[in-house]
Amino acid sequence: MKTLQKYTLIIVLLAITVACKKDKESIDTEKPVIAIDSETAFPKQCSTIKRGTSFTFRSKLSDNVALGSYSIDVHHNFDHHSHSTEIGECTVEAIKTPIKPFTLVKTVNIPGQPQQYDAELKIDVPADIDPGNYHFMIQVTDLAGWSSQKGISIRILE
């Protein structure tokens, strides 16, 4: 009888242990996507923008699970440096020393944790900044922390 009770207790404990195991959560291992090839995307590679004006950044962002945020980084390329994400070559001016370069770093939280998001951000370009070659960097991060970057070469005109 005691042997039967021991085996019954072992079976009950084993059943409880197996029944209480959590389902294995799927882990997001995919990076989000930045689509700058759509018709409405701006700026595009080699775009020109006049200083003293405003423009609207537009891009389609997507992720397999949930988007978290995106950021924009605009900085001069007067020294002809490059980023590994640039797509294609643009005409560049001679190397020069910056006097008053345009810089912008802006992060935007994406509301509602969507899988798709049409990013739009109005950007004012001051009238007194150095004209010339600039990089327009886009980064998107999903809720799991994965990120993707795209670099676009633009020119700011007088």
Protein backbone atom coordinates (compact mmCIF):
# COMPACT_ATOMS: atom_id res chain seq x y z
CA MET A 1 0.00 0.00 0.00
CA LYS A 2 2.80 2.41 0.89
CA THR A 3 4.47 1.67 -2.44
CA LEU A 4 1.25 2.53 -4.26
CA GLN A 5 1.01 5.83 -2.35
CA LYS A 6 4.63 6.68 -3.22
CA TYR A 7 4.06 5.99 -6.93
CA THR A 8 0.80 7.93 -6.86
CA LEU A 9 2.51 10.89 -5.20
CA ILE A 10 5.37 10.79 -7.74
CA ILE A 11 2.91 10.64 -10.66
CA VAL A 12 0.84 13.54 -9.27
CA LEU A 13 3.96 15.68 -8.70
CA LEU A 14 5.24 14.84 -12.17
CA ALA A 15 1.88 15.74 -13.72
CA ILE A 16 1.80 19.07 -11.85
CA THR A 17 5.37 19.87 -12.95
CA VAL A 18 4.64 19.11 -16.60
CA ALA A 19 1.33 20.98 -16.53
CA CYS A 20 2.94 24.09 -15.03
CA LYS A 21 5.62 24.49 -17.67
CA LYS A 22 5.23 27.72 -19.57
CA ASP A 23 4.90 27.69 -23.30
CA LYS A 24 8.15 28.73 -24.86
CA GLU A 25 7.85 32.36 -25.93
CA SER A 26 8.94 33.14 -29.45
CA ILE A 27 11.90 35.48 -29.54
CA ASP A 28 12.03 38.30 -32.08
CA THR A 29 15.29 37.92 -34.00
CA GLU A 30 14.43 39.97 -37.09
CA LYS A 31 15.60 43.51 -37.68
CA PRO A 32 13.06 46.17 -38.66
CA VAL A 33 12.99 47.52 -42.22
CA ILE A 34 13.37 51.07 -43.54
CA ALA A 35 11.79 51.55 -46.98
CA ILE A 36 13.20 54.62 -48.70
CA ASP A 37 12.38 53.43 -52.20
CA SER A 38 8.66 54.24 -52.14
CA GLU A 39 7.33 57.05 -54.31
CA THR A 40 6.48 59.20 -51.27
CA ALA A 41 9.79 58.68 -49.42
CA PHE A 42 11.93 61.79 -48.88
CA PRO A 43 14.74 62.58 -48.94
CA LYS A 44 16.17 60.13 -51.42
CA GLN A 45 19.79 59.58 -52.33
CA CYS A 46 21.31 62.79 -53.80
CA SER A 47 18.28 64.98 -52.95
CA THR A 48 18.88 68.72 -52.72
CA ILE A 49 17.35 70.97 -50.07
CA LYS A 50 17.58 74.76 -49.83
CA ARG A 51 18.76 76.26 -46.58
CA GLY A 52 16.18 78.48 -44.91
CA THR A 53 13.37 76.11 -45.93
CA SER A 54 11.53 73.19 -44.36
CA PHE A 55 10.95 69.71 -45.69
CA THR A 56 9.16 66.61 -44.45
CA PHE A 57 11.05 63.38 -43.91
CA ARG A 58 8.91 60.44 -45.06
CA SER A 59 9.64 56.72 -44.92
CA LYS A 60 7.76 53.47 -44.47
CA LEU A 61 8.98 51.49 -41.46
CA SER A 62 8.06 47.89 -40.67
CA ASP A 63 8.84 45.02 -38.31
CA ASN A 64 7.67 41.43 -37.97
CA VAL A 65 6.49 41.98 -34.35
CA ALA A 66 6.37 45.61 -33.15
CA LEU A 67 8.14 48.89 -33.89
CA GLY A 68 9.52 50.99 -31.04
CA SER A 69 11.17 54.20 -32.30
CA TYR A 70 13.06 55.85 -35.11
CA SER A 71 15.76 58.48 -35.13
CA ILE A 72 17.18 60.96 -37.61
CA ASP A 73 20.78 62.18 -37.63
CA VAL A 74 21.80 64.91 -40.08
CA HIS A 75 25.47 65.88 -40.15
CA HIS A 76 27.94 67.38 -42.62
CA ASN A 77 30.03 65.35 -45.01
CA PHE A 78 32.56 68.08 -45.75
CA ASP A 79 35.40 65.59 -45.09
CA HIS A 80 33.97 62.97 -47.52
CA HIS A 81 33.56 60.24 -44.89
CA SER A 82 31.15 57.43 -45.67
CA HIS A 83 28.75 55.11 -43.90
CA SER A 84 28.39 51.49 -44.87
CA THR A 85 24.67 51.96 -45.50
CA GLU A 86 24.92 54.55 -48.27
CA ILE A 87 23.32 53.61 -51.55
CA GLY A 88 25.02 54.97 -54.65
CA GLU A 89 27.30 57.91 -55.27
CA CYS A 90 26.42 61.60 -55.46
CA THR A 91 28.43 64.53 -56.75
CA VAL A 92 30.51 65.90 -53.89
CA GLU A 93 32.04 69.32 -53.41
CA ALA A 94 35.69 69.78 -52.48
CA ILE A 95 36.73 68.95 -48.92
CA LYS A 96 36.20 71.98 -46.67
CA THR A 97 36.34 72.99 -43.04
CA PRO A 98 32.92 73.47 -41.43
CA ILE A 99 32.14 76.92 -40.04
CA LYS A 100 28.47 76.56 -39.11
CA PRO A 101 27.33 73.08 -40.17
CA PHE A 102 23.76 71.88 -39.82
CA THR A 103 23.34 69.10 -37.26
CA LEU A 104 20.16 67.43 -36.14
CA VAL A 105 19.60 64.40 -33.94
CA LYS A 106 15.97 63.56 -33.22
CA THR A 107 14.35 60.42 -31.80
CA VAL A 108 10.64 59.72 -32.19
CA ASN A 109 8.75 57.06 -30.22
CA ILE A 110 6.31 55.15 -32.41
CA PRO A 111 2.91 54.96 -30.67
CA GLY A 112 0.86 51.77 -30.35
CA GLN A 113 3.56 49.19 -31.17
CA PRO A 114 2.50 48.75 -34.82
CA GLN A 115 4.14 46.43 -37.35
CA GLN A 116 3.88 49.12 -40.07
CA TYR A 117 4.39 52.86 -39.65
CA ASP A 118 4.50 55.80 -42.05
CA ALA A 119 7.13 58.07 -40.50
CA GLU A 120 6.73 61.81 -41.13
CA LEU A 121 8.83 64.49 -39.49
CA LYS A 122 9.00 68.18 -40.43
CA ILE A 123 12.58 69.43 -40.48
CA ASP A 124 13.53 73.12 -40.56
CA VAL A 125 16.85 73.93 -42.21
CA PRO A 126 18.29 77.18 -40.83
CA ALA A 127 19.16 79.90 -43.35
CA ASP A 128 22.62 80.58 -41.91
CA ILE A 129 24.16 77.09 -41.99
CA ASP A 130 27.00 75.96 -44.26
CA PRO A 131 25.73 74.72 -47.61
CA GLY A 132 27.26 71.53 -48.99
CA ASN A 133 27.23 67.76 -48.69
CA TYR A 134 25.43 66.17 -45.74
CA HIS A 135 24.46 62.73 -44.54
CA PHE A 136 20.87 61.98 -43.57
CA MET A 137 20.93 58.91 -41.34
CA ILE A 138 17.77 56.98 -40.43
CA GLN A 139 17.63 54.35 -37.69
CA VAL A 140 14.61 52.30 -36.66
CA THR A 141 14.48 50.13 -33.53
CA ASP A 142 11.89 47.49 -32.74
CA LEU A 143 10.60 46.66 -29.26
CA ALA A 144 13.04 43.75 -28.93
CA GLY A 145 15.95 46.16 -29.43
CA TRP A 146 16.91 45.19 -32.99
CA SER A 147 17.76 48.13 -35.22
CA SER A 148 18.44 48.94 -38.87
CA GLN A 149 20.12 51.97 -40.39
CA LYS A 150 20.06 53.68 -43.77
CA GLY A 151 22.36 56.48 -44.84
CA ILE A 152 21.42 58.95 -47.55
CA SER A 153 23.69 61.57 -49.06
CA ILE A 154 21.99 64.93 -49.59
CA ARG A 155 23.14 68.40 -50.56
CA ILE A 156 22.01 71.60 -48.87
CA LEU A 157 22.04 74.52 -51.30
CA GLU A 158 22.27 78.28 -50.72
